[in-house]
Protein backbone atom coordinates (compact mmCIF):
# COMPACT_ATOMS: atom_id res chain seq x y z
CA MET A 1 0.20 0.11 0.11
CA THR A 2 1.42 4.04 -1.10
CA GLY A 3 0.20 6.80 0.17
CA LYS A 4 1.22 10.54 -0.34
CA MET A 5 4.15 11.46 2.12
CA LYS A 6 3.72 14.93 4.21
CA ALA A 7 6.40 17.59 4.67
CA LYS A 8 7.25 17.62 8.22
CA GLY A 9 6.01 21.42 8.84
CA GLN A 10 5.88 23.90 6.65
CA VAL A 11 8.85 23.59 5.27
CA SER A 12 9.60 21.98 1.57
CA MET A 13 12.46 19.96 0.59
CA ARG A 14 14.32 20.06 -3.23
CA ILE A 15 14.11 15.99 -3.78
CA ALA A 16 15.87 14.94 -7.19
CA ILE A 17 14.69 11.66 -8.50
CA CYS A 18 16.56 10.24 -10.73
CA ASP A 19 15.56 6.42 -12.35
CA ASP A 20 15.99 5.55 -15.68
CA CYS A 21 11.68 4.05 -15.29
CA ALA A 22 10.14 6.80 -15.76
CA ALA A 23 6.59 5.60 -14.41
CA ASP A 24 8.70 4.14 -11.21
CA ALA A 25 10.28 7.67 -11.01
CA GLU A 26 6.56 8.99 -10.93
CA GLU A 27 4.90 7.20 -9.05
CA LEU A 28 8.00 8.22 -6.47
CA LYS A 29 7.34 12.08 -7.10
CA SER A 30 3.32 11.17 -6.73
CA ARG A 31 4.05 10.01 -2.83
CA LEU A 32 5.71 13.22 -2.38
CA THR A 33 3.61 15.69 -1.23
CA GLY A 34 4.46 19.32 0.10
CA HIS A 35 7.99 18.92 -1.88
CA ALA A 36 9.53 20.41 -4.65
CA ALA A 37 11.00 17.47 -6.25
CA VAL A 38 11.92 16.79 -10.23
CA VAL A 39 12.07 13.58 -11.95
CA TYR A 40 15.56 12.91 -14.31
CA THR A 41 15.43 9.39 -16.21
CA ASP A 42 19.08 10.05 -16.97
CA ALA A 43 22.27 9.96 -15.02
CA GLU A 44 23.97 12.64 -17.50
CA SER A 45 21.21 14.92 -17.18
CA LEU A 46 21.30 15.54 -13.07
CA LEU A 47 25.17 15.79 -13.19
CA THR A 48 24.38 18.33 -15.55
CA ASP A 49 22.20 20.60 -13.10
CA VAL A 50 24.63 19.88 -10.15
CA GLU A 51 27.69 19.98 -12.01
CA SER A 52 26.44 23.78 -13.42
CA ARG A 53 25.39 24.46 -9.34
CA SER A 54 22.84 25.69 -10.78
CA PHE A 55 20.59 22.62 -8.52
CA CYS A 56 21.51 22.19 -5.17
CA TYR A 57 19.36 19.70 -3.58
CA ASP A 58 18.60 18.35 -0.30
CA LEU A 59 17.71 14.75 -1.65
CA TYR A 60 18.78 12.50 -3.70
CA LEU A 61 16.63 9.49 -4.38
CA LEU A 62 19.01 7.36 -6.84
CA ASP A 63 18.37 3.99 -8.58
CA ILE A 64 21.38 1.50 -8.63
CA TYR A 65 20.80 0.18 -12.17
CA ILE A 66 20.15 4.31 -14.48
CA THR A 67 21.96 2.95 -18.21
CA GLU A 68 24.43 0.58 -19.15
CA SER A 69 26.74 3.41 -19.57
CA ALA A 70 25.79 5.41 -15.84
CA ASP A 71 25.19 3.75 -13.06
CA GLY A 72 24.23 5.18 -9.47
CA ILE A 73 27.13 4.30 -8.07
CA GLU A 74 29.51 6.56 -10.05
CA LEU A 75 26.47 9.13 -10.18
CA ALA A 76 26.70 9.60 -6.35
CA LYS A 77 30.22 9.55 -6.26
CA ARG A 78 30.03 12.88 -8.62
CA ILE A 79 27.34 14.46 -6.61
CA ARG A 80 29.43 13.75 -3.51
CA ALA A 81 32.42 15.99 -5.29
CA ARG A 82 30.12 18.53 -5.94
CA GLN A 83 28.13 18.50 -2.93
CA GLU A 84 29.78 16.88 0.14
CA ASP A 85 27.17 16.98 2.39
CA ALA A 86 24.72 15.57 -0.18
CA ALA A 87 22.03 13.81 1.61
CA ILE A 88 21.91 10.28 -0.95
CA CYS A 89 19.42 7.37 -1.13
CA PHE A 90 19.29 4.38 -3.22
CA ILE A 91 16.13 2.93 -4.42
CA THR A 92 17.10 -0.68 -6.37
CA THR A 93 15.98 -3.50 -6.36
CA SER A 94 19.05 -5.22 -5.80
CA ASN A 95 20.81 -5.23 -2.63
CA ASP A 96 24.33 -6.02 -3.86
CA PHE A 97 25.79 -2.47 -2.95
CA TYR A 98 25.49 -2.03 0.46
CA ARG A 99 29.18 -1.94 0.76
CA GLU A 100 29.77 0.93 -1.95
CA ALA A 101 26.78 2.77 -0.42
CA TYR A 102 28.00 2.41 2.96
CA ASN A 103 31.72 3.84 1.73
CA LEU A 104 30.06 6.77 0.07
CA TYR A 105 27.90 7.65 3.32
CA VAL A 106 24.79 7.19 1.40
CA LEU A 107 21.64 8.05 4.23
CA GLN A 108 20.36 5.09 3.16
CA TYR A 109 19.39 1.94 0.92
CA LEU A 110 15.85 0.70 0.07
CA ILE A 111 14.73 -2.04 -1.79
CA LYS A 112 11.29 -1.61 -4.11
CA PRO A 113 8.81 -1.55 -3.63
CA VAL A 114 9.16 1.47 -1.05
CA ARG A 115 7.35 0.89 1.96
CA ASP A 116 5.80 4.29 3.39
CA GLU A 117 6.86 3.60 6.25
CA GLU A 118 10.56 3.73 5.37
CA LEU A 119 10.12 6.81 2.93
CA GLN A 120 8.61 8.62 6.10
CA ARG A 121 11.26 7.94 8.22
CA LEU A 122 13.79 9.21 5.27
CA LEU A 123 12.22 12.21 4.71
CA ASP A 124 12.09 13.10 8.53
CA ARG A 125 15.34 12.22 9.02
CA VAL A 126 16.38 14.43 6.11
CA MET A 127 13.93 16.97 7.23
CA ASP A 128 15.63 18.06 10.76
CA THR A 129 18.97 18.05 8.84
CA VAL A 130 17.75 20.35 6.51
CA LEU A 131 15.74 22.25 9.28
CA ARG A 132 18.98 22.80 11.42
CA LYS A 133 20.88 24.27 8.53
CA ASP A 134 18.21 26.60 7.24
CA ARG A 135 16.06 27.57 9.85
CA SER A 136 17.24 30.71 12.33
CA LEU A 137 15.78 32.68 15.70
CA THR A 138 14.63 36.18 15.42
CA VAL A 139 15.22 38.07 18.98
CA ARG A 140 15.35 41.63 19.75
CA SER A 141 19.03 41.88 21.73
CA ARG A 142 20.10 45.42 22.99
CA LYS A 143 17.54 46.78 20.85
CA GLN A 144 18.71 45.05 17.33
CA THR A 145 16.89 42.83 15.28
CA ILE A 146 19.04 39.74 15.28
CA CYS A 147 18.71 36.55 13.29
CA ILE A 148 20.82 33.26 14.87
CA PRO A 149 21.31 30.97 12.34
CA TYR A 150 19.75 27.54 14.81
CA ASN A 151 23.11 25.40 13.62
CA THR A 152 25.10 28.23 15.53
CA ILE A 153 23.22 27.92 18.97
CA LEU A 154 24.80 25.56 21.35
CA TYR A 155 21.97 26.37 24.77
CA MET A 156 20.10 28.72 26.03
CA SER A 157 19.64 29.44 29.81
CA SER A 158 17.28 31.78 31.37
CA ARG A 159 17.81 33.97 35.03
CA GLU A 160 14.92 35.74 35.69
CA HIS A 161 13.54 37.31 32.61
CA THR A 162 16.25 37.00 30.75
CA VAL A 163 17.19 34.39 28.09
CA SER A 164 20.95 33.85 27.56
CA ILE A 165 21.57 32.32 23.92
CA CYS A 166 25.32 30.81 23.83
CA CYS A 167 26.64 30.48 20.54
CA GLU A 168 29.77 28.41 18.98
CA ASP A 169 31.55 31.34 17.89
CA GLY A 170 31.25 32.06 21.89
CA ALA A 171 29.13 35.09 21.38
CA VAL A 172 26.28 35.94 24.38
CA HIS A 173 23.04 37.06 23.38
CA GLU A 174 20.47 38.77 26.09
CA CYS A 175 16.71 39.08 24.99
CA SER A 176 13.76 39.83 27.42
CA GLY A 177 11.65 37.00 27.82
CA ARG A 178 11.03 33.33 29.59
CA LEU A 179 12.72 30.05 28.56
CA THR A 180 9.26 28.07 27.60
CA GLU A 181 8.41 30.94 25.20
CA MET A 182 12.03 30.54 23.49
CA GLU A 183 10.77 26.68 23.46
CA GLN A 184 7.49 26.77 22.02
CA GLU A 185 9.00 29.52 19.11
CA LEU A 186 11.98 26.46 17.83
CA GLN A 187 10.85 23.76 15.46
CA GLY A 188 12.34 20.85 13.52
CA GLY A 189 14.04 18.78 17.23
CA VAL A 190 16.86 20.41 16.66
CA PHE A 191 16.44 21.79 20.85
CA LEU A 192 15.51 20.01 24.03
CA ARG A 193 14.70 21.04 27.51
CA CYS A 194 16.67 19.44 29.73
CA HIS A 195 16.42 22.01 33.00
CA GLN A 196 14.43 24.32 34.36
CA SER A 197 16.54 26.88 33.29
CA PHE A 198 18.54 25.23 30.20
CA LEU A 199 17.36 25.05 26.67
CA VAL A 200 20.31 23.20 24.80
CA ASN A 201 21.13 22.25 20.90
CA MET A 202 21.02 18.17 20.74
CA TYR A 203 23.31 18.40 17.81
CA HIS A 204 26.12 20.32 19.72
CA VAL A 205 25.85 17.57 22.29
CA ASP A 206 29.49 15.76 22.97
CA SER A 207 28.39 14.04 25.34
CA MET A 208 25.74 12.82 28.32
CA SER A 209 27.40 11.62 31.44
CA GLY A 210 24.84 10.62 34.38
CA THR A 211 22.55 13.78 35.08
CA GLN A 212 25.37 15.95 32.46
CA LEU A 213 25.63 17.46 29.08
CA MET A 214 28.70 18.05 27.79
CA ILE A 215 28.46 20.85 25.10
CA ALA A 216 31.94 22.48 23.39
CA GLY A 217 33.11 22.52 27.28
CA HIS A 218 30.27 23.48 29.00
CA GLN A 219 28.20 21.35 31.52
CA ILE A 220 24.66 21.65 31.18
CA PRO A 221 22.97 19.71 33.76
CA VAL A 222 19.66 17.36 33.18
CA SER A 223 16.63 17.70 35.90
CA ARG A 224 15.05 14.31 36.85
CA ARG A 225 12.00 15.34 35.02
CA TYR A 226 13.66 15.97 31.80
CA TYR A 227 16.39 13.20 32.08
CA ALA A 228 14.48 10.36 30.24
CA ASP A 229 13.00 12.30 26.86
CA VAL A 230 16.71 14.04 26.69
CA ARG A 231 19.01 10.36 26.96
CA ALA A 232 16.33 9.09 24.63
CA ARG A 233 17.09 11.90 21.98
CA TYR A 234 20.68 11.46 22.50
CA HIS A 235 21.14 8.16 21.64
CA GLU A 236 18.19 8.94 18.92
CA ILE A 237 21.09 11.73 17.53
CA MET A 238 23.84 8.84 17.58
CA PHE A 239 22.18 6.78 15.90
CA GLU A 240 20.89 9.41 12.74
CA GLU A 241 25.23 10.59 13.20
CA VAL A 242 26.29 6.29 12.83
CA GLY A 243 23.78 5.04 10.69
């Protein structure tokens, strides 16, 4: 059974589908509702767009068997050479290329026909990455309005009615408000409350030991109330990064 995959939140991803079977490619595209998906039925057309740098996709869904003269493995290598952090997934009828996929840091390897739940997990995983790269927090600090990219924020702390936003470059931006209000504004599974006074970017956590998080040399306490959720999310992200 196949259905339509929903975009996470209000954000749309740019997705390239490359499969010489047009019917398979169009069927897959029909399941990517809310995303901007483009179908390529040959590797050269996709490479032309990628190597001209006029196109940069958030996710590449590649068949391994494209044509006799170009295969998905070589295509993935060429894409990776141009876009080092490209999210690539092989969707194919064979499981013979796991080793090559692993060596290319391919995000996922799916066998046709792809189940809805497999595709949704892939989209959610890539969407979290897109949110981390593209989202920013807008705050009023020292009478100026500033935008702080999510991926530069280490953690936030609060004291009375002031929230301090600690960034990886060492900057600390202070703004009026409550941590609960800030937590409600943030999206994408990136930030997590770990203590009454702390909200952390879970993708910057270096280690978790007991009730302490280590983030860029800073020790952040984890209270009993939030411990289970923080521990589960920490291990989930560890799996994402090695998966």
